[in-house]
């Protein structure tokens, strides 16, 4: 059985195609992604889904998880969920279901309770972490956000259910490897033996920081730059210099790299604070790390918090860990496929 899992984010749409044996055991995983800024191109979703899947051939079913309902192209999250669900459902002729807070949902169930499908991709990732350790915390640092999900006896037990609630409980930190505005991470940065206040403008993002520090490559720098310029180290340095209203004539390379290193440390510290909050509340002291920032942010946050951790590449290839929610979505869909009669399932 071959199952496709899509994780439809605001900026990136990820795909995982998994092959399962007759007992539902995982045989093979293949992943891919496409940069799709849903705030500008939501009407391209169906074409992107088909283009992503086409090289992998036919599949028996499709699972969908989403976080893109929050983009400002939609007036409400309900509008976003139903639009994304409709476009996804209409794209495929095979059975389609959606990750929800209580498990997989049919298109009818999504329309009846759309908020259960909103930003529920962490529900799909948690079982992967539980395969490594049944009592742990999932720490998934992606391009935009970091999920911090407690797992006990193999089951997620997050206190917050929506993004809003998880921001309140420390289970969601809006800080990621690529798309976080630097001005949202720090108020001041070190410069010439002083602390300079930063400009509250969208001059630079964390992708610029991690490029300058050598944490990511240009291939990892998906998405738009804030000035529309290139993604070279020099381009990234220039954008960082603007955070303190400077430029490459005003600031030296060392000064810019010191600023980048400080911002990096502050990003790790803030994620670590939330991780410790979740750890203490749930009395869990082991972490499973995954996502694009698995090695450069999540692991350091664990070290800063004094917690033991295991990377998800213990059970997946490192490149597939970046798309862990899509892998989890495909696996949940495979389990669901065995439990349901799918005759007429894709009908509203």
Protein backbone atom coordinates (compact mmCIF):
# COMPACT_ATOMS: atom_id res chain seq x y z
CA UNK A 1 0.00 0.00 0.00
CA UNK A 2 1.30 3.45 -0.94
CA UNK A 3 0.02 6.49 0.96
CA UNK A 4 0.73 10.17 0.36
CA UNK A 5 0.80 12.61 3.25
CA UNK A 6 0.75 16.37 2.68
CA UNK A 7 1.49 18.98 5.32
CA UNK A 8 0.14 22.27 3.94
CA UNK A 9 1.86 25.17 5.69
CA UNK A 10 1.60 28.88 5.16
CA UNK A 11 4.90 29.00 3.28
CA UNK A 12 5.85 25.40 2.45
CA UNK A 13 3.80 22.40 1.39
CA UNK A 14 5.54 19.14 2.30
CA UNK A 15 4.92 15.68 0.86
CA UNK A 16 5.78 12.22 2.14
CA UNK A 17 4.98 9.03 0.24
CA UNK A 18 5.18 5.93 2.40
CA UNK A 19 5.03 2.28 1.41
CA UNK A 20 3.46 -0.12 3.91
CA UNK A 21 3.37 -3.91 4.00
CA UNK A 22 0.18 -5.93 4.55
CA UNK A 23 0.53 -5.53 8.32
CA UNK A 24 0.87 -1.77 8.03
CA UNK A 25 4.60 -1.74 8.78
CA UNK A 26 6.68 0.97 7.16
CA UNK A 27 8.83 -0.23 4.26
CA UNK A 28 9.96 2.95 2.54
CA UNK A 29 9.68 6.75 2.84
CA UNK A 30 10.26 9.41 0.18
CA UNK A 31 9.77 13.14 0.74
CA UNK A 32 9.63 16.39 -1.21
CA UNK A 33 8.43 19.95 -0.66
CA UNK A 34 7.43 23.07 -2.56
CA UNK A 35 7.60 26.71 -1.50
CA UNK A 36 4.01 27.91 -1.76
CA UNK A 37 3.27 31.23 -0.02
CA UNK A 38 -0.42 30.68 0.62
CA UNK A 39 -1.01 34.33 1.49
CA UNK A 40 -0.30 35.12 -2.18
CA UNK A 41 -0.98 31.89 -4.06
CA UNK A 42 -3.68 29.92 -2.25
CA UNK A 43 -5.47 29.31 -5.55
CA UNK A 44 -2.40 27.41 -6.81
CA UNK A 45 -2.73 24.76 -4.08
CA UNK A 46 -4.37 22.05 -6.18
CA UNK A 47 -1.79 22.34 -8.96
CA UNK A 48 1.10 22.25 -6.47
CA UNK A 49 -0.28 19.13 -4.78
CA UNK A 50 -0.52 17.35 -8.15
CA UNK A 51 2.93 18.53 -9.25
CA UNK A 52 4.53 17.34 -6.01
CA UNK A 53 2.95 13.90 -6.19
CA UNK A 54 3.32 13.27 -9.93
CA UNK A 55 6.95 12.00 -9.85
CA UNK A 56 6.02 9.41 -7.22
CA UNK A 57 3.29 7.75 -9.26
CA UNK A 58 -0.08 6.39 -8.12
CA UNK A 59 -1.04 6.16 -4.46
CA UNK A 60 -3.90 4.38 -2.70
CA UNK A 61 -4.94 7.28 -0.46
CA UNK A 62 -4.00 10.81 0.58
CA UNK A 63 -3.77 12.29 4.08
CA UNK A 64 -3.73 16.04 4.66
CA UNK A 65 -2.57 18.11 7.60
CA UNK A 66 -2.57 21.89 7.55
CA UNK A 67 -1.42 25.06 9.24
CA UNK A 68 -2.01 27.41 6.30
CA UNK A 69 -5.50 28.35 7.48
CA UNK A 70 -3.85 31.13 9.53
CA UNK A 71 -2.51 33.10 6.54
CA UNK A 72 -4.06 36.51 6.10
CA UNK A 73 -5.57 35.60 2.74
CA UNK A 74 -8.36 34.11 4.87
CA UNK A 75 -10.58 36.25 7.08
CA UNK A 76 -11.05 33.42 9.59
CA UNK A 77 -9.43 30.08 10.30
CA UNK A 78 -12.71 28.35 9.52
CA UNK A 79 -12.66 29.90 6.05
CA UNK A 80 -9.07 28.74 5.61
CA UNK A 81 -9.69 25.17 6.78
CA UNK A 82 -12.72 24.65 4.56
CA UNK A 83 -11.02 26.18 1.51
CA UNK A 84 -7.86 24.10 1.93
CA UNK A 85 -9.89 20.96 2.64
CA UNK A 86 -12.09 21.50 -0.41
CA UNK A 87 -9.17 22.16 -2.76
CA UNK A 88 -7.27 19.12 -1.42
CA UNK A 89 -10.29 16.81 -1.54
CA UNK A 90 -11.17 17.84 -5.11
CA UNK A 91 -7.58 17.30 -6.33
CA UNK A 92 -7.52 13.52 -5.86
CA UNK A 93 -9.74 10.62 -6.93
CA UNK A 94 -8.45 8.30 -4.20
CA UNK A 95 -9.72 8.49 -0.58
CA UNK A 96 -8.68 11.70 1.20
CA UNK A 97 -8.83 12.42 4.94
CA UNK A 98 -7.54 15.15 7.21
CA UNK A 99 -5.56 15.19 10.44
CA UNK A 100 -7.67 16.49 13.32
CA UNK A 101 -7.22 16.85 17.05
CA UNK A 102 -9.04 13.55 17.64
CA UNK A 103 -7.56 11.66 14.68
CA UNK A 104 -8.29 11.53 10.95
CA UNK A 105 -11.41 13.28 9.66
CA UNK A 106 -13.50 12.96 6.51
CA UNK A 107 -14.31 16.06 4.46
CA UNK A 108 -17.82 16.02 5.98
CA UNK A 109 -16.39 15.94 9.49
CA UNK A 110 -14.04 18.82 8.66
CA UNK A 111 -16.96 20.94 7.49
CA UNK A 112 -18.90 20.07 10.66
CA UNK A 113 -15.99 20.87 13.01
CA UNK A 114 -13.37 22.82 11.03
CA UNK A 115 -11.38 24.00 14.05
CA UNK A 116 -10.43 20.41 14.85
CA UNK A 117 -8.41 20.32 11.62
CA UNK A 118 -6.79 23.73 12.15
CA UNK A 119 -3.03 23.57 12.83
CA UNK A 120 -3.22 19.92 13.88
CA UNK A 121 -0.09 18.67 12.11
CA UNK A 122 1.66 18.09 15.45
CA UNK A 123 -0.92 15.36 16.10
CA UNK A 124 0.66 13.48 13.19
CA UNK A 125 4.26 13.98 14.34
CA UNK A 126 3.78 12.92 17.97
CA UNK A 127 3.36 9.17 17.19
CA UNK A 128 6.76 9.20 15.44
CA UNK A 129 8.40 10.57 18.58
CA UNK A 130 6.54 7.98 20.68
CA UNK A 131 8.13 5.21 18.59
CA UNK A 132 11.51 6.36 19.90
CA UNK A 133 10.43 6.80 23.52
CA UNK A 134 6.89 6.51 24.96
CA UNK A 135 7.49 9.19 27.60
CA UNK A 136 9.14 12.19 26.01
CA UNK A 137 8.67 15.68 24.60
CA UNK A 138 8.50 16.23 20.85
CA UNK A 139 10.55 19.31 19.89
CA UNK A 140 9.89 20.08 16.22
CA UNK A 141 11.61 23.23 14.94
CA UNK A 142 10.49 24.01 11.41
CA UNK A 143 10.95 26.99 9.14
CA UNK A 144 8.47 29.17 11.04
CA UNK A 145 7.49 27.66 14.39
CA UNK A 146 8.56 25.25 17.11
CA UNK A 147 6.16 22.64 18.51
CA UNK A 148 6.81 21.38 22.06
CA UNK A 149 4.49 18.43 22.62
CA UNK A 150 4.47 16.27 25.77
CA UNK A 151 3.96 12.53 25.24
CA UNK A 152 3.11 10.06 28.01
CA UNK A 153 2.64 6.32 27.59
CA UNK A 154 2.93 6.76 23.83
CA UNK A 155 0.14 9.36 23.55
CA UNK A 156 0.37 13.12 23.16
CA UNK A 157 -0.99 14.99 26.15
CA UNK A 158 -0.69 18.62 25.14
CA UNK A 159 -2.50 20.98 27.48
CA UNK A 160 -3.33 23.38 24.65
CA UNK A 161 -5.35 22.20 21.68
CA UNK A 162 -5.40 25.25 19.39
CA UNK A 163 -2.43 27.40 18.38
CA UNK A 164 -3.75 30.16 20.63
CA UNK A 165 -3.91 27.83 23.63
CA UNK A 166 -0.50 26.33 22.89
CA UNK A 167 1.06 29.78 22.76
CA UNK A 168 -0.30 30.24 26.28
CA UNK A 169 0.99 26.89 27.56
CA UNK A 170 4.49 27.03 26.05
CA UNK A 171 3.70 24.18 23.67
CA UNK A 172 4.08 26.46 20.63
CA UNK A 173 6.81 29.04 20.08
CA UNK A 174 6.55 31.20 16.98
CA UNK A 175 10.25 30.95 16.24
CA UNK A 176 11.71 28.96 13.38
CA UNK A 177 14.82 28.32 11.33
CA UNK A 178 14.00 30.55 8.36
CA UNK A 179 11.06 32.91 8.56
CA UNK A 180 11.21 34.58 11.98
CA UNK A 181 11.64 38.36 11.98
CA UNK A 182 14.88 39.17 13.82
CA UNK A 183 13.20 42.15 15.50
CA UNK A 184 10.76 39.71 17.12
CA UNK A 185 13.62 37.85 18.83
CA UNK A 186 15.68 40.68 20.33
CA UNK A 187 15.24 44.27 21.47
CA UNK A 188 18.98 44.97 21.59
CA UNK A 189 22.15 43.47 20.12
CA UNK A 190 25.84 43.87 21.07
CA UNK A 191 27.75 46.50 19.11
CA UNK A 192 31.03 48.27 20.00
CA UNK A 193 30.90 47.35 23.70
CA UNK A 194 27.32 48.62 23.94
CA UNK A 195 23.86 47.17 23.41
CA UNK A 196 22.20 48.79 20.40
CA UNK A 197 18.43 48.82 20.09
CA UNK A 198 17.11 47.20 16.92
CA UNK A 199 14.88 48.71 14.27
CA UNK A 200 11.35 47.35 14.37
CA UNK A 201 11.28 46.65 10.65
CA UNK A 202 11.25 43.47 8.61
CA UNK A 203 14.86 43.85 7.47
CA UNK A 204 16.23 40.40 8.26
CA UNK A 205 14.93 36.95 9.15
CA UNK A 206 16.44 33.94 10.88
CA UNK A 207 17.45 32.44 7.52
CA UNK A 208 19.90 35.35 7.18
CA UNK A 209 21.27 34.65 10.67
CA UNK A 210 21.77 30.96 10.06
CA UNK A 211 23.31 31.51 6.62
CA UNK A 212 25.89 33.93 8.02
CA UNK A 213 26.74 31.52 10.84
CA UNK A 214 27.04 28.54 8.48
CA UNK A 215 24.11 26.70 10.06
CA UNK A 216 22.24 26.33 6.76
CA UNK A 217 23.11 26.37 3.07
CA UNK A 218 21.58 28.40 0.27
CA UNK A 219 19.58 25.28 -0.66
CA UNK A 220 17.96 25.37 2.78
CA UNK A 221 17.09 29.07 2.39
CA UNK A 222 13.69 28.53 0.83
CA UNK A 223 11.29 31.41 0.54
CA UNK A 224 11.66 35.09 -0.13
CA UNK A 225 14.35 37.45 1.11
CA UNK A 226 13.05 40.58 2.78
CA UNK A 227 14.72 42.98 0.35
CA UNK A 228 14.13 40.89 -2.77
CA UNK A 229 17.90 40.48 -3.20
CA UNK A 230 19.95 37.30 -3.27
CA UNK A 231 20.79 34.70 -0.64
CA UNK A 232 24.57 34.91 -0.63
CA UNK A 233 26.48 35.42 2.62
CA UNK A 234 27.10 39.03 1.60
CA UNK A 235 23.40 39.61 0.94
CA UNK A 236 22.55 38.13 4.34
CA UNK A 237 25.15 40.29 6.10
CA UNK A 238 23.72 43.40 4.48
CA UNK A 239 20.21 42.57 5.68
CA UNK A 240 21.47 41.92 9.23
CA UNK A 241 23.35 45.24 9.25
CA UNK A 242 20.08 47.04 8.57
CA UNK A 243 18.64 45.66 11.81
CA UNK A 244 20.71 48.33 13.58
CA UNK A 245 20.20 50.84 10.74
CA UNK A 246 23.64 50.14 9.31
CA UNK A 247 25.07 48.80 6.08
CA UNK A 248 28.21 47.08 4.85
CA UNK A 249 30.11 50.39 4.76
CA UNK A 250 29.28 51.11 8.40
CA UNK A 251 29.67 47.68 10.03
CA UNK A 252 32.53 45.19 9.75
CA UNK A 253 32.09 41.50 9.04
CA UNK A 254 33.06 40.67 12.62
CA UNK A 255 30.48 43.08 14.02
CA UNK A 256 27.74 41.61 11.86
CA UNK A 257 28.69 38.04 12.76
CA UNK A 258 28.71 38.94 16.47
CA UNK A 259 25.21 40.34 16.09
CA UNK A 260 24.12 37.15 14.30
CA UNK A 261 25.64 34.94 17.00
CA UNK A 262 23.83 36.87 19.73
CA UNK A 263 20.47 36.63 17.93
CA UNK A 264 21.03 32.89 17.47
CA UNK A 265 21.73 32.43 21.17
CA UNK A 266 18.61 34.40 22.08
CA UNK A 267 16.48 32.28 19.76
CA UNK A 268 17.79 29.11 21.42
CA UNK A 269 17.30 30.58 24.91
CA UNK A 270 13.66 31.52 24.30
CA UNK A 271 12.80 28.09 22.88
CA UNK A 272 14.63 26.52 25.82
CA UNK A 273 12.51 28.52 28.28
CA UNK A 274 9.31 27.10 26.79
CA UNK A 275 10.82 23.61 26.67
CA UNK A 276 11.65 23.78 30.39
CA UNK A 277 8.12 24.99 31.15
CA UNK A 278 6.60 21.97 29.38
CA UNK A 279 9.18 19.62 30.91
CA UNK A 280 8.52 20.74 34.50
CA UNK A 281 4.73 20.79 34.15
CA UNK A 282 4.66 17.25 32.74
CA UNK A 283 7.65 15.85 34.64
CA UNK A 284 9.22 14.70 31.39
CA UNK A 285 12.98 14.94 31.03
CA UNK A 286 13.70 13.42 27.62
CA UNK A 287 13.19 15.10 24.24
CA UNK A 288 12.87 13.86 20.66
CA UNK A 289 14.09 16.53 18.23
CA UNK A 290 13.08 16.89 14.59
CA UNK A 291 12.46 19.46 11.86
CA UNK A 292 14.68 21.70 9.76
CA UNK A 293 16.23 23.12 12.93
CA UNK A 294 16.71 19.71 14.56
CA UNK A 295 20.50 19.97 14.82
CA UNK A 296 21.08 23.71 14.92
CA UNK A 297 18.28 24.92 17.21
CA UNK A 298 16.35 22.08 18.86
CA UNK A 299 19.42 20.18 20.08
CA UNK A 300 20.97 23.35 21.49
CA UNK A 301 17.71 24.23 23.25
CA UNK A 302 17.79 20.80 24.90
CA UNK A 303 21.38 21.33 26.01
CA UNK A 304 20.53 24.78 27.36
CA UNK A 305 17.61 23.27 29.30
CA UNK A 306 19.76 20.42 30.60
CA UNK A 307 17.56 17.73 29.02
CA UNK A 308 18.57 14.49 27.32
CA UNK A 309 17.49 14.22 23.70
CA UNK A 310 17.33 11.82 20.76
CA UNK A 311 17.10 13.01 17.16
CA UNK A 312 14.31 11.60 15.03
CA UNK A 313 16.86 10.47 12.46
CA UNK A 314 17.12 7.40 14.69
CA UNK A 315 14.06 6.11 12.81
CA UNK A 316 13.92 8.36 9.71
CA UNK A 317 16.54 9.60 7.30
CA UNK A 318 17.78 13.04 8.29
CA UNK A 319 16.32 14.66 5.18
CA UNK A 320 12.92 13.11 5.95
CA UNK A 321 12.92 14.58 9.47
CA UNK A 322 12.40 18.00 7.86
CA UNK A 323 9.05 16.67 6.60
CA UNK A 324 8.16 14.69 9.73
CA UNK A 325 4.54 15.99 9.93
CA UNK A 326 3.94 14.83 6.34
CA UNK A 327 5.43 11.41 7.15
CA UNK A 328 3.24 11.16 10.24
CA UNK A 329 0.19 12.24 8.24
CA UNK A 330 0.79 9.48 5.69
CA UNK A 331 1.18 6.87 8.44
CA UNK A 332 -2.01 8.00 10.20
CA UNK A 333 -3.83 7.82 6.87
CA UNK A 334 -2.56 4.27 6.36
CA UNK A 335 -3.95 3.22 9.75
CA UNK A 336 -7.22 4.99 9.02
CA UNK A 337 -7.55 3.35 5.61
CA UNK A 338 -7.68 -0.06 7.26
CA UNK A 339 -10.51 0.97 9.58
CA UNK A 340 -12.94 2.70 7.23
CA UNK A 341 -15.27 1.90 4.37
CA UNK A 342 -14.34 4.60 1.88
CA UNK A 343 -17.29 4.25 -0.49
CA UNK A 344 -18.53 7.80 -1.11
CA UNK A 345 -16.05 9.07 1.45
CA UNK A 346 -14.88 12.13 -0.50
CA UNK A 347 -18.40 13.48 -0.90
CA UNK A 348 -19.74 16.42 1.07
